[in-house]
């Protein structure tokens, strides 16, 4: 969880400072973007299994982090995905 947070924090600081570019240069109606961040999860990101409480908890936390970052960064034209 800490690694995902710190990498997200560092990369988003750089992405926010960049100028937005068209999503598709041939289709300006698609809007602008500064890029996207993709975090990796696993099957336990959305489920649970016995004896994996620490791992499952950290993967659920990654989902919350990515979803919240997506809400916060929409105004900056930055996408997040899991």
PDB file of N, CA and C in Angstrom:
ATOM      1  N   UNK A   1       0.821  -1.192   0.000  1.00  0.00           N
ATOM      2  CA  UNK A   1       0.000   0.000   0.000  1.00  0.00           C
ATOM      3  C   UNK A   1       0.858   1.246   0.000  1.00  0.00           C
ATOM      4  N   UNK A   2       1.894   1.266   0.832  1.00  0.00           N
ATOM      5  CA  UNK A   2       2.768   2.437   0.895  1.00  0.00           C
ATOM      6  C   UNK A   2       3.440   2.698  -0.445  1.00  0.00           C
ATOM      7  N   UNK A   3       3.919   1.643  -1.085  1.00  0.00           N
ATOM      8  CA  UNK A   3       4.580   1.801  -2.376  1.00  0.00           C
ATOM      9  C   UNK A   3       3.642   2.378  -3.418  1.00  0.00           C
ATOM     10  N   UNK A   4       2.417   1.881  -3.469  1.00  0.00           N
ATOM     11  CA  UNK A   4       1.430   2.393  -4.421  1.00  0.00           C
ATOM     12  C   UNK A   4       1.145   3.865  -4.147  1.00  0.00           C
ATOM     13  N   UNK A   5       0.994   4.216  -2.893  1.00  0.00           N
ATOM     14  CA  UNK A   5       0.712   5.602  -2.526  1.00  0.00           C
ATOM     15  C   UNK A   5       1.853   6.530  -2.937  1.00  0.00           C
ATOM     16  N   UNK A   6       3.090   6.165  -2.618  1.00  0.00           N
ATOM     17  CA  UNK A   6       4.219   7.046  -2.901  1.00  0.00           C
ATOM     18  C   UNK A   6       4.482   7.185  -4.397  1.00  0.00           C
ATOM     19  N   UNK A   7       4.326   6.111  -5.154  1.00  0.00           N
ATOM     20  CA  UNK A   7       4.497   6.201  -6.611  1.00  0.00           C
ATOM     21  C   UNK A   7       3.394   7.059  -7.211  1.00  0.00           C
ATOM     22  N   UNK A   8       2.176   6.879  -6.755  1.00  0.00           N
ATOM     23  CA  UNK A   8       1.050   7.692  -7.232  1.00  0.00           C
ATOM     24  C   UNK A   8       1.286   9.163  -6.902  1.00  0.00           C
ATOM     25  N   UNK A   9       1.707   9.444  -5.709  1.00  0.00           N
ATOM     26  CA  UNK A   9       1.953  10.816  -5.280  1.00  0.00           C
ATOM     27  C   UNK A   9       3.039  11.479  -6.131  1.00  0.00           C
ATOM     28  N   UNK A  10       4.124  10.788  -6.378  1.00  0.00           N
ATOM     29  CA  UNK A  10       5.228  11.354  -7.158  1.00  0.00           C
ATOM     30  C   UNK A  10       4.839  11.554  -8.621  1.00  0.00           C
ATOM     31  N   UNK A  11       4.203  10.567  -9.220  1.00  0.00           N
ATOM     32  CA  UNK A  11       3.855  10.674 -10.641  1.00  0.00           C
ATOM     33  C   UNK A  11       2.763  11.709 -10.877  1.00  0.00           C
ATOM     34  N   UNK A  12       1.811  11.820  -9.967  1.00  0.00           N
ATOM     35  CA  UNK A  12       0.729  12.782 -10.167  1.00  0.00           C
ATOM     36  C   UNK A  12       1.207  14.213 -10.007  1.00  0.00           C
ATOM     37  N   UNK A  13       2.211  14.434  -9.180  1.00  0.00           N
ATOM     38  CA  UNK A  13       2.782  15.770  -9.073  1.00  0.00           C
ATOM     39  C   UNK A  13       3.360  16.233 -10.397  1.00  0.00           C
ATOM     40  N   UNK A  14       4.029  15.332 -11.100  1.00  0.00           N
ATOM     41  CA  UNK A  14       4.590  15.646 -12.409  1.00  0.00           C
ATOM     42  C   UNK A  14       3.476  15.813 -13.438  1.00  0.00           C
ATOM     43  N   UNK A  15       2.508  14.916 -13.427  1.00  0.00           N
ATOM     44  CA  UNK A  15       1.426  14.964 -14.421  1.00  0.00           C
ATOM     45  C   UNK A  15       0.597  16.238 -14.298  1.00  0.00           C
ATOM     46  N   UNK A  16       0.341  16.695 -13.077  1.00  0.00           N
ATOM     47  CA  UNK A  16      -0.450  17.913 -12.888  1.00  0.00           C
ATOM     48  C   UNK A  16       0.261  19.137 -13.440  1.00  0.00           C
ATOM     49  N   UNK A  17       1.580  19.125 -13.447  1.00  0.00           N
ATOM     50  CA  UNK A  17       2.330  20.287 -13.928  1.00  0.00           C
ATOM     51  C   UNK A  17       2.428  20.328 -15.459  1.00  0.00           C
ATOM     52  N   UNK A  18       2.073  19.252 -16.143  1.00  0.00           N
ATOM     53  CA  UNK A  18       2.157  19.204 -17.605  1.00  0.00           C
ATOM     54  C   UNK A  18       0.943  19.863 -18.242  1.00  0.00           C
ATOM     55  N   UNK A  19       1.126  20.307 -19.477  1.00  0.00           N
ATOM     56  CA  UNK A  19       0.007  20.861 -20.247  1.00  0.00           C
ATOM     57  C   UNK A  19      -0.862  19.717 -20.752  1.00  0.00           C
ATOM     58  N   UNK A  20      -2.198  19.875 -20.688  1.00  0.00           N
ATOM     59  CA  UNK A  20      -3.065  18.826 -21.236  1.00  0.00           C
ATOM     60  C   UNK A  20      -2.934  18.744 -22.751  1.00  0.00           C
ATOM     61  N   UNK A  21      -3.061  17.541 -23.272  1.00  0.00           N
ATOM     62  CA  UNK A  21      -3.004  17.300 -24.720  1.00  0.00           C
ATOM     63  C   UNK A  21      -4.305  16.657 -25.165  1.00  0.00           C
ATOM     64  N   UNK A  22      -4.651  16.805 -26.435  1.00  0.00           N
ATOM     65  CA  UNK A  22      -5.885  16.181 -26.917  1.00  0.00           C
ATOM     66  C   UNK A  22      -5.832  14.659 -26.780  1.00  0.00           C
ATOM     67  N   UNK A  23      -6.960  14.061 -26.383  1.00  0.00           N
ATOM     68  CA  UNK A  23      -7.034  12.600 -26.324  1.00  0.00           C
ATOM     69  C   UNK A  23      -6.749  11.997 -27.681  1.00  0.00           C
ATOM     70  N   UNK A  24      -7.454  12.489 -28.661  1.00  0.00           N
ATOM     71  CA  UNK A  24      -7.262  12.064 -30.049  1.00  0.00           C
ATOM     72  C   UNK A  24      -7.102  13.325 -30.894  1.00  0.00           C
ATOM     73  N   UNK A  25      -5.920  13.564 -31.452  1.00  0.00           N
ATOM     74  CA  UNK A  25      -5.711  14.796 -32.209  1.00  0.00           C
ATOM     75  C   UNK A  25      -6.711  14.994 -33.347  1.00  0.00           C
ATOM     76  N   UNK A  26      -7.197  13.906 -33.938  1.00  0.00           N
ATOM     77  CA  UNK A  26      -8.147  14.009 -35.051  1.00  0.00           C
ATOM     78  C   UNK A  26      -9.579  14.217 -34.584  1.00  0.00           C
ATOM     79  N   UNK A  27      -9.820  14.133 -33.283  1.00  0.00           N
ATOM     80  CA  UNK A  27     -11.170  14.262 -32.745  1.00  0.00           C
ATOM     81  C   UNK A  27     -11.151  15.169 -31.508  1.00  0.00           C
ATOM     82  N   UNK A  28     -11.112  16.499 -31.702  1.00  0.00           N
ATOM     83  CA  UNK A  28     -11.016  17.402 -30.560  1.00  0.00           C
ATOM     84  C   UNK A  28     -12.192  17.335 -29.599  1.00  0.00           C
ATOM     85  N   UNK A  29     -13.320  16.797 -30.026  1.00  0.00           N
ATOM     86  CA  UNK A  29     -14.482  16.706 -29.137  1.00  0.00           C
ATOM     87  C   UNK A  29     -14.269  15.701 -28.008  1.00  0.00           C
ATOM     88  N   UNK A  30     -13.227  14.886 -28.094  1.00  0.00           N
ATOM     89  CA  UNK A  30     -12.941  13.882 -27.061  1.00  0.00           C
ATOM     90  C   UNK A  30     -12.299  14.488 -25.817  1.00  0.00           C
ATOM     91  N   UNK A  31     -11.915  15.764 -25.870  1.00  0.00           N
ATOM     92  CA  UNK A  31     -11.359  16.422 -24.695  1.00  0.00           C
ATOM     93  C   UNK A  31      -9.855  16.292 -24.607  1.00  0.00           C
ATOM     94  N   UNK A  32      -9.332  16.780 -23.504  1.00  0.00           N
ATOM     95  CA  UNK A  32      -7.890  16.779 -23.263  1.00  0.00           C
ATOM     96  C   UNK A  32      -7.536  15.839 -22.128  1.00  0.00           C
ATOM     97  N   UNK A  33      -6.265  15.469 -22.076  1.00  0.00           N
ATOM     98  CA  UNK A  33      -5.794  14.596 -21.012  1.00  0.00           C
ATOM     99  C   UNK A  33      -4.365  14.943 -20.636  1.00  0.00           C
ATOM    100  N   UNK A  34      -4.009  14.690 -19.421  1.00  0.00           N
ATOM    101  CA  UNK A  34      -2.621  14.756 -18.984  1.00  0.00           C
ATOM    102  C   UNK A  34      -2.065  13.347 -18.823  1.00  0.00           C
ATOM    103  N   UNK A  35      -2.878  12.350 -19.068  1.00  0.00           N
ATOM    104  CA  UNK A  35      -2.420  10.979 -18.984  1.00  0.00           C
ATOM    105  C   UNK A  35      -3.279  10.138 -18.059  1.00  0.00           C
ATOM    106  N   UNK A  36      -2.788   8.933 -17.790  1.00  0.00           N
ATOM    107  CA  UNK A  36      -3.522   7.993 -16.957  1.00  0.00           C
ATOM    108  C   UNK A  36      -2.549   7.251 -16.045  1.00  0.00           C
ATOM    109  N   UNK A  37      -3.042   6.857 -14.896  1.00  0.00           N
ATOM    110  CA  UNK A  37      -2.286   6.053 -13.942  1.00  0.00           C
ATOM    111  C   UNK A  37      -3.052   4.755 -13.754  1.00  0.00           C
ATOM    112  N   UNK A  38      -2.352   3.642 -13.878  1.00  0.00           N
ATOM    113  CA  UNK A  38      -2.977   2.335 -13.694  1.00  0.00           C
ATOM    114  C   UNK A  38      -2.274   1.632 -12.533  1.00  0.00           C
ATOM    115  N   UNK A  39      -3.032   1.279 -11.521  1.00  0.00           N
ATOM    116  CA  UNK A  39      -2.505   0.522 -10.377  1.00  0.00           C
ATOM    117  C   UNK A  39      -2.892  -0.946 -10.549  1.00  0.00           C
ATOM    118  N   UNK A  40      -2.039  -1.818 -10.119  1.00  0.00           N
ATOM    119  CA  UNK A  40      -2.301  -3.251 -10.273  1.00  0.00           C
ATOM    120  C   UNK A  40      -2.928  -3.821  -9.012  1.00  0.00           C
ATOM    121  N   UNK A  41      -3.876  -4.697  -9.207  1.00  0.00           N
ATOM    122  CA  UNK A  41      -4.526  -5.394  -8.111  1.00  0.00           C
ATOM    123  C   UNK A  41      -4.424  -6.892  -8.336  1.00  0.00           C
ATOM    124  N   UNK A  42      -5.308  -7.616  -7.716  1.00  0.00           N
ATOM    125  CA  UNK A  42      -5.365  -9.067  -7.898  1.00  0.00           C
ATOM    126  C   UNK A  42      -6.808  -9.510  -7.697  1.00  0.00           C
ATOM    127  N   UNK A  43      -7.030 -10.803  -7.776  1.00  0.00           N
ATOM    128  CA  UNK A  43      -8.379 -11.332  -7.566  1.00  0.00           C
ATOM    129  C   UNK A  43      -8.880 -10.991  -6.160  1.00  0.00           C
ATOM    130  N   UNK A  44      -7.982 -10.884  -5.214  1.00  0.00           N
ATOM    131  CA  UNK A  44      -8.388 -10.566  -3.849  1.00  0.00           C
ATOM    132  C   UNK A  44      -8.664  -9.073  -3.665  1.00  0.00           C
ATOM    133  N   UNK A  45      -8.470  -8.277  -4.719  1.00  0.00           N
ATOM    134  CA  UNK A  45      -8.855  -6.870  -4.647  1.00  0.00           C
ATOM    135  C   UNK A  45     -10.358  -6.724  -4.514  1.00  0.00           C
ATOM    136  N   UNK A  46     -11.078  -7.682  -5.058  1.00  0.00           N
ATOM    137  CA  UNK A  46     -12.545  -7.606  -5.031  1.00  0.00           C
ATOM    138  C   UNK A  46     -13.180  -8.770  -4.274  1.00  0.00           C
ATOM    139  N   UNK A  47     -12.367  -9.620  -3.715  1.00  0.00           N
ATOM    140  CA  UNK A  47     -12.903 -10.765  -2.993  1.00  0.00           C
ATOM    141  C   UNK A  47     -12.157 -10.981  -1.688  1.00  0.00           C
ATOM    142  N   UNK A  48     -12.230 -12.187  -1.190  1.00  0.00           N
ATOM    143  CA  UNK A  48     -11.540 -12.535   0.049  1.00  0.00           C
ATOM    144  C   UNK A  48     -11.216 -14.023   0.040  1.00  0.00           C
ATOM    145  N   UNK A  49     -10.241 -14.385   0.839  1.00  0.00           N
ATOM    146  CA  UNK A  49      -9.863 -15.788   0.974  1.00  0.00           C
ATOM    147  C   UNK A  49      -9.365 -16.010   2.402  1.00  0.00           C
ATOM    148  N   UNK A  50      -9.562 -17.212   2.921  1.00  0.00           N
ATOM    149  CA  UNK A  50      -9.092 -17.482   4.274  1.00  0.00           C
ATOM    150  C   UNK A  50      -7.564 -17.364   4.373  1.00  0.00           C
ATOM    151  N   UNK A  51      -7.094 -16.890   5.507  1.00  0.00           N
ATOM    152  CA  UNK A  51      -5.670 -16.795   5.828  1.00  0.00           C
ATOM    153  C   UNK A  51      -4.919 -15.742   5.003  1.00  0.00           C
ATOM    154  N   UNK A  52      -5.615 -14.841   4.340  1.00  0.00           N
ATOM    155  CA  UNK A  52      -4.983 -13.783   3.550  1.00  0.00           C
ATOM    156  C   UNK A  52      -5.455 -12.406   4.002  1.00  0.00           C
ATOM    157  N   UNK A  53      -5.687 -12.231   5.280  1.00  0.00           N
ATOM    158  CA  UNK A  53      -6.299 -10.992   5.760  1.00  0.00           C
ATOM    159  C   UNK A  53      -5.425  -9.770   5.478  1.00  0.00           C
ATOM    160  N   UNK A  54      -4.124  -9.844   5.699  1.00  0.00           N
ATOM    161  CA  UNK A  54      -3.271  -8.679   5.470  1.00  0.00           C
ATOM    162  C   UNK A  54      -3.208  -8.337   3.978  1.00  0.00           C
ATOM    163  N   UNK A  55      -3.014  -9.331   3.157  1.00  0.00           N
ATOM    164  CA  UNK A  55      -2.919  -9.121   1.710  1.00  0.00           C
ATOM    165  C   UNK A  55      -4.229  -8.562   1.165  1.00  0.00           C
ATOM    166  N   UNK A  56      -5.355  -9.160   1.548  1.00  0.00           N
ATOM    167  CA  UNK A  56      -6.661  -8.712   1.072  1.00  0.00           C
ATOM    168  C   UNK A  56      -6.952  -7.291   1.529  1.00  0.00           C
ATOM    169  N   UNK A  57      -6.613  -6.966   2.749  1.00  0.00           N
ATOM    170  CA  UNK A  57      -6.828  -5.620   3.263  1.00  0.00           C
ATOM    171  C   UNK A  57      -6.042  -4.601   2.451  1.00  0.00           C
ATOM    172  N   UNK A  58      -4.801  -4.895   2.140  1.00  0.00           N
ATOM    173  CA  UNK A  58      -3.990  -3.946   1.374  1.00  0.00           C
ATOM    174  C   UNK A  58      -4.529  -3.787  -0.045  1.00  0.00           C
ATOM    175  N   UNK A  59      -5.035  -4.849  -0.638  1.00  0.00           N
ATOM    176  CA  UNK A  59      -5.586  -4.752  -1.996  1.00  0.00           C
ATOM    177  C   UNK A  59      -6.897  -3.972  -2.008  1.00  0.00           C
ATOM    178  N   UNK A  60      -7.707  -4.118  -0.997  1.00  0.00           N
ATOM    179  CA  UNK A  60      -8.925  -3.315  -0.892  1.00  0.00           C
ATOM    180  C   UNK A  60      -8.563  -1.837  -0.712  1.00  0.00           C
ATOM    181  N   UNK A  61      -7.498  -1.581   0.027  1.00  0.00           N
ATOM    182  CA  UNK A  61      -7.051  -0.198   0.228  1.00  0.00           C
ATOM    183  C   UNK A  61      -6.582   0.424  -1.084  1.00  0.00           C
ATOM    184  N   UNK A  62      -5.950  -0.356  -1.946  1.00  0.00           N
ATOM    185  CA  UNK A  62      -5.522   0.147  -3.255  1.00  0.00           C
ATOM    186  C   UNK A  62      -6.735   0.562  -4.086  1.00  0.00           C
ATOM    187  N   UNK A  63      -7.794  -0.212  -4.027  1.00  0.00           N
ATOM    188  CA  UNK A  63      -9.023   0.156  -4.750  1.00  0.00           C
ATOM    189  C   UNK A  63      -9.530   1.510  -4.249  1.00  0.00           C
ATOM    190  N   UNK A  64      -9.596   1.693  -2.949  1.00  0.00           N
ATOM    191  CA  UNK A  64     -10.061   2.958  -2.393  1.00  0.00           C
ATOM    192  C   UNK A  64      -9.163   4.110  -2.790  1.00  0.00           C
ATOM    193  N   UNK A  65      -7.857   3.897  -2.767  1.00  0.00           N
ATOM    194  CA  UNK A  65      -6.903   4.931  -3.152  1.00  0.00           C
ATOM    195  C   UNK A  65      -7.091   5.340  -4.610  1.00  0.00           C
ATOM    196  N   UNK A  66      -7.205   4.370  -5.494  1.00  0.00           N
ATOM    197  CA  UNK A  66      -7.336   4.662  -6.925  1.00  0.00           C
ATOM    198  C   UNK A  66      -8.670   5.342  -7.225  1.00  0.00           C
ATOM    199  N   UNK A  67      -9.736   4.870  -6.627  1.00  0.00           N
ATOM    200  CA  UNK A  67     -11.044   5.499  -6.863  1.00  0.00           C
ATOM    201  C   UNK A  67     -11.080   6.933  -6.347  1.00  0.00           C
ATOM    202  N   UNK A  68     -10.534   7.166  -5.169  1.00  0.00           N
ATOM    203  CA  UNK A  68     -10.509   8.515  -4.606  1.00  0.00           C
ATOM    204  C   UNK A  68      -9.611   9.428  -5.423  1.00  0.00           C
ATOM    205  N   UNK A  69      -8.463   8.925  -5.836  1.00  0.00           N
ATOM    206  CA  UNK A  69      -7.575   9.729  -6.684  1.00  0.00           C
ATOM    207  C   UNK A  69      -8.262  10.098  -7.991  1.00  0.00           C
ATOM    208  N   UNK A  70      -9.025   9.177  -8.557  1.00  0.00           N
ATOM    209  CA  UNK A  70      -9.761   9.472  -9.785  1.00  0.00           C
ATOM    210  C   UNK A  70     -10.757  10.599  -9.604  1.00  0.00           C
ATOM    211  N   UNK A  71     -11.434  10.610  -8.487  1.00  0.00           N
ATOM    212  CA  UNK A  71     -12.395  11.689  -8.201  1.00  0.00           C
ATOM    213  C   UNK A  71     -11.665  13.023  -8.004  1.00  0.00           C
ATOM    214  N   UNK A  72     -10.542  12.979  -7.301  1.00  0.00           N
ATOM    215  CA  UNK A  72      -9.792  14.199  -7.026  1.00  0.00           C
ATOM    216  C   UNK A  72      -9.112  14.756  -8.274  1.00  0.00           C
ATOM    217  N   UNK A  73      -8.709  13.896  -9.197  1.00  0.00           N
ATOM    218  CA  UNK A  73      -7.896  14.323 -10.326  1.00  0.00           C
ATOM    219  C   UNK A  73      -8.671  14.559 -11.611  1.00  0.00           C
ATOM    220  N   UNK A  74      -9.963  14.342 -11.587  1.00  0.00           N
ATOM    221  CA  UNK A  74     -10.769  14.565 -12.790  1.00  0.00           C
ATOM    222  C   UNK A  74     -10.660  15.980 -13.320  1.00  0.00           C
ATOM    223  N   UNK A  75     -10.594  16.958 -12.432  1.00  0.00           N
ATOM    224  CA  UNK A  75     -10.468  18.352 -12.859  1.00  0.00           C
ATOM    225  C   UNK A  75      -9.126  18.641 -13.509  1.00  0.00           C
ATOM    226  N   UNK A  76      -8.132  17.783 -13.260  1.00  0.00           N
ATOM    227  CA  UNK A  76      -6.816  17.950 -13.859  1.00  0.00           C
ATOM    228  C   UNK A  76      -6.675  17.155 -15.165  1.00  0.00           C
ATOM    229  N   UNK A  77      -7.740  16.493 -15.584  1.00  0.00           N
ATOM    230  CA  UNK A  77      -7.742  15.679 -16.808  1.00  0.00           C
ATOM    231  C   UNK A  77      -6.760  14.495 -16.694  1.00  0.00           C
ATOM    232  N   UNK A  78      -6.716  13.884 -15.511  1.00  0.00           N
ATOM    233  CA  UNK A  78      -5.903  12.711 -15.274  1.00  0.00           C
ATOM    234  C   UNK A  78      -6.824  11.556 -14.915  1.00  0.00           C
ATOM    235  N   UNK A  79      -6.659  10.437 -15.602  1.00  0.00           N
ATOM    236  CA  UNK A  79      -7.484   9.250 -15.347  1.00  0.00           C
ATOM    237  C   UNK A  79      -6.739   8.288 -14.433  1.00  0.00           C
ATOM    238  N   UNK A  80      -7.487   7.574 -13.623  1.00  0.00           N
ATOM    239  CA  UNK A  80      -6.910   6.490 -12.827  1.00  0.00           C
ATOM    240  C   UNK A  80      -7.720   5.231 -13.074  1.00  0.00           C
ATOM    241  N   UNK A  81      -7.057   4.094 -12.996  1.00  0.00           N
ATOM    242  CA  UNK A  81      -7.733   2.830 -13.236  1.00  0.00           C
ATOM    243  C   UNK A  81      -7.034   1.728 -12.462  1.00  0.00           C
ATOM    244  N   UNK A  82      -7.757   0.659 -12.237  1.00  0.00           N
ATOM    245  CA  UNK A  82      -7.231  -0.493 -11.517  1.00  0.00           C
ATOM    246  C   UNK A  82      -7.418  -1.710 -12.372  1.00  0.00           C
TER     247      UNK A  82
END
